[in-house]
């Protein structure tokens, strides 16, 4: 089951961004999902579902929003490398 909410935006906003309304709305959904993933509020799978894309597409497009696919600090990275 899905819930829905609407966001009002100025009619000229998609044009200002050189997007169609459909492209703008898809980008806005993706941006919201990416931010929630970045904040560790959603898993990548749940964020992908929110954005309406598959998980691989979601992960491979995180760089467009300046978000890393894997967010490890140096200690975690060293530990993972030692245990690899």
Foldseek 3Di string as FASTA:
>chain_A
DDDDDDDDDDPCVCVVVVHDPVVVVLVVQLLVLLVCVQVVNDPLQVSCVSSVHHSVVSLVCSVVVVGHSDDDDPVRVVVVVVVD
